[in-house]
Structures are given as C-alpha cells and as structure tokens.
C-alpha atoms as a PDB file:
ATOM      1  CA  MET A   1      13.177 -43.959  -4.838  1.00  0.00           C
ATOM      2  CA  PHE A   2      13.666 -41.727  -7.859  1.00  0.00           C
ATOM      3  CA  GLU A   3       9.919 -41.015  -8.003  1.00  0.00           C
ATOM      4  CA  SER A   4       9.788 -39.965  -4.341  1.00  0.00           C
ATOM      5  CA  LEU A   5      12.757 -37.638  -4.825  1.00  0.00           C
ATOM      6  CA  LYS A   6      11.088 -36.192  -7.904  1.00  0.00           C
ATOM      7  CA  ALA A   7       7.812 -35.648  -5.968  1.00  0.00           C
ATOM      8  CA  PHE A   8       9.725 -34.024  -3.098  1.00  0.00           C
ATOM      9  CA  LEU A   9      11.533 -31.600  -5.399  1.00  0.00           C
ATOM     10  CA  LYS A  10       8.305 -30.782  -7.227  1.00  0.00           C
ATOM     11  CA  GLY A  11       6.596 -29.931  -3.921  1.00  0.00           C
ATOM     12  CA  PHE A  12       9.621 -27.956  -2.742  1.00  0.00           C
ATOM     13  CA  PHE A  13       9.745 -25.799  -5.861  1.00  0.00           C
ATOM     14  CA  SER A  14       5.959 -25.326  -5.830  1.00  0.00           C
ATOM     15  CA  SER A  15       6.124 -24.081  -2.246  1.00  0.00           C
ATOM     16  CA  PHE A  16       9.054 -21.835  -3.116  1.00  0.00           C
ATOM     17  CA  LYS A  17       7.074 -20.266  -5.986  1.00  0.00           C
ATOM     18  CA  ASP A  18       4.034 -19.705  -3.763  1.00  0.00           C
ATOM     19  CA  GLN A  19       6.092 -17.998  -1.056  1.00  0.00           C
ATOM     20  CA  SER A  20       7.953 -15.902  -3.604  1.00  0.00           C
ATOM     21  CA  THR A  21       4.660 -14.729  -5.085  1.00  0.00           C
ATOM     22  CA  ASP A  22       3.342 -13.823  -1.628  1.00  0.00           C
ATOM     23  CA  TYR A  23       6.469 -11.785  -0.900  1.00  0.00           C
ATOM     24  CA  ILE A  24       6.229  -9.949  -4.225  1.00  0.00           C
ATOM     25  CA  GLU A  25       2.549  -9.133  -3.649  1.00  0.00           C
ATOM     26  CA  PHE A  26       3.351  -7.828  -0.159  1.00  0.00           C
ATOM     27  CA  GLU A  27       6.162  -5.677  -1.532  1.00  0.00           C
ATOM     28  CA  GLU A  28       3.843  -4.294  -4.219  1.00  0.00           C
ATOM     29  CA  ARG A  29       1.264  -3.263  -1.591  1.00  0.00           C
ATOM     30  CA  GLU A  30       3.943  -1.564   0.491  1.00  0.00           C
ATOM     31  CA  LEU A  31       5.352   0.269  -2.530  1.00  0.00           C
ATOM     32  CA  GLU A  32       1.843   1.511  -3.347  1.00  0.00           C
ATOM     33  CA  ASN A  33       1.564   2.830   0.209  1.00  0.00           C
ATOM     34  CA  VAL A  34       4.907   4.621  -0.084  1.00  0.00           C
ATOM     35  CA  PHE A  35       3.844   5.998  -3.455  1.00  0.00           C
ATOM     36  CA  ALA A  36       0.644   7.364  -1.903  1.00  0.00           C
ATOM     37  CA  LEU A  37       2.598   8.841   0.982  1.00  0.00           C
ATOM     38  CA  VAL A  38       4.943  10.650  -1.385  1.00  0.00           C
ATOM     39  CA  LEU A  39       2.056  12.096  -3.391  1.00  0.00           C
ATOM     40  CA  MET A  40      -0.292  12.863  -0.501  1.00  0.00           C
ATOM     41  CA  GLY A  41       2.339  13.597   2.145  1.00  0.00           C
ATOM     42  CA  SER A  42       1.740  17.330   2.085  1.00  0.00           C
ATOM     43  CA  PHE A  43      -1.479  16.710   4.030  1.00  0.00           C
ATOM     44  CA  ILE A  44       0.554  15.485   6.996  1.00  0.00           C
ATOM     45  CA  GLY A  45       3.535  17.797   6.632  1.00  0.00           C
ATOM     46  CA  ILE A  46       5.922  15.755   4.500  1.00  0.00           C
ATOM     47  CA  PRO A  47       7.410  17.815   1.665  1.00  0.00           C
ATOM     48  CA  SER A  48       5.797  16.790  -1.584  1.00  0.00           C
ATOM     49  CA  PRO A  49       7.268  16.496  -5.063  1.00  0.00           C
ATOM     50  CA  PRO A  50       6.625  19.248  -7.615  1.00  0.00           C
ATOM     51  CA  THR A  51       2.971  19.756  -8.511  1.00  0.00           C
ATOM     52  CA  THR A  52       3.496  19.041 -12.206  1.00  0.00           C
ATOM     53  CA  LEU A  53       4.930  15.627 -11.368  1.00  0.00           C
ATOM     54  CA  VAL A  54       2.062  14.878  -8.991  1.00  0.00           C
ATOM     55  CA  MET A  55      -0.501  15.816 -11.638  1.00  0.00           C
ATOM     56  CA  ARG A  56       1.109  13.487 -14.178  1.00  0.00           C
ATOM     57  CA  ILE A  57       1.225  10.591 -11.709  1.00  0.00           C
ATOM     58  CA  MET A  58      -2.229  11.142 -10.145  1.00  0.00           C
ATOM     59  CA  PRO A  59      -4.214   9.020 -12.670  1.00  0.00           C
ATOM     60  CA  HIS A  60      -2.220   6.001 -11.511  1.00  0.00           C
ATOM     61  CA  MET A  61      -3.415   6.631  -7.947  1.00  0.00           C
ATOM     62  CA  VAL A  62      -7.145   6.030  -8.488  1.00  0.00           C
ATOM     63  CA  ARG A  63      -7.279   2.705  -6.635  1.00  0.00           C
ATOM     64  CA  GLU A  64      -5.170   4.019  -3.766  1.00  0.00           C
ATOM     65  CA  ILE A  65      -7.386   7.088  -3.370  1.00  0.00           C
ATOM     66  CA  TYR A  66     -10.477   4.868  -3.169  1.00  0.00           C
ATOM     67  CA  VAL A  67      -8.777   2.793  -0.474  1.00  0.00           C
ATOM     68  CA  MET A  68      -7.849   5.917   1.510  1.00  0.00           C
ATOM     69  CA  GLN A  69     -11.404   7.268   1.241  1.00  0.00           C
ATOM     70  CA  ARG A  70     -12.893   3.959   2.374  1.00  0.00           C
ATOM     71  CA  ARG A  71     -10.534   3.738   5.350  1.00  0.00           C
ATOM     72  CA  ALA A  72     -11.303   7.313   6.337  1.00  0.00           C
ATOM     73  CA  ALA A  73     -15.063   6.740   6.088  1.00  0.00           C
ATOM     74  CA  ASP A  74     -14.953   3.436   8.010  1.00  0.00           C
ATOM     75  CA  MET A  75     -12.797   4.788  10.798  1.00  0.00           C
ATOM     76  CA  ASP A  76     -14.082   6.461  13.934  1.00  0.00           C
ATOM     77  CA  ASP A  77     -11.440   9.087  14.611  1.00  0.00           C
ATOM     78  CA  ILE A  78     -12.390  10.516  17.988  1.00  0.00           C
ATOM     79  CA  PHE A  79      -9.199  12.572  18.298  1.00  0.00           C
ATOM     80  CA  GLY A  80      -9.757  14.016  14.830  1.00  0.00           C
ATOM     81  CA  GLU A  81     -13.281  15.054  15.739  1.00  0.00           C
ATOM     82  CA  ILE A  82     -12.091  16.703  18.949  1.00  0.00           C
ATOM     83  CA  ALA A  83      -9.315  18.524  17.093  1.00  0.00           C
ATOM     84  CA  GLY A  84     -11.915  19.694  14.565  1.00  0.00           C
ATOM     85  CA  MET A  85     -14.116  21.105  17.314  1.00  0.00           C
ATOM     86  CA  PHE A  86     -11.257  23.113  18.794  1.00  0.00           C
ATOM     87  CA  ASP A  87      -9.849  24.178  15.411  1.00  0.00           C
ATOM     88  CA  ILE A  88      -6.402  22.677  16.115  1.00  0.00           C
ATOM     89  CA  THR A  89      -4.094  22.975  13.123  1.00  0.00           C
END
C-alpha cells in the first residue's frame, strides 16, 4: 500500500512539473510577443518608447525579428496588397 501511494505521488508531482513548465514556456512566448509589440508598435500606430531605449534593447530582439519576417513572407495578405495598390495610409 505504501509503495502504491508513493508511486501515485511521484506521478502526481511529475505531472505537476510538466504542466508548470508548459505554462511558463507559454508565458515566455507571450511576453516576447508583447516585447516585440512595444518595440515595433510604431508601425501600427502604438506609441513607442524612446528611440535610445529601443536601440539598446534591439539586439535582444533578433529571434523575434526573424519570426516576424518569416510570418510576413509566408502570409498572403490580399488586403495589404490592395491597400498598397491604392496607396492607402
């Protein structure tokens, strides 16, 4: 009986650690997205932080910039193309 209780608790805590790690990884991805939005928000009209701060933080954004470029290249943005033809700003 003691062994089965011990095995149950071991499995319970292992599952708890796995879920906690998944939640932390998800939160990290979302914080990176918010970080990118703060730094690159001026492109979509969100007030940006001072330029000197952005320049100091920019080297930490390399991976996020690659992700944004890949998403933009992989995406067919029909509305963006139409807006580009009509010079909508």
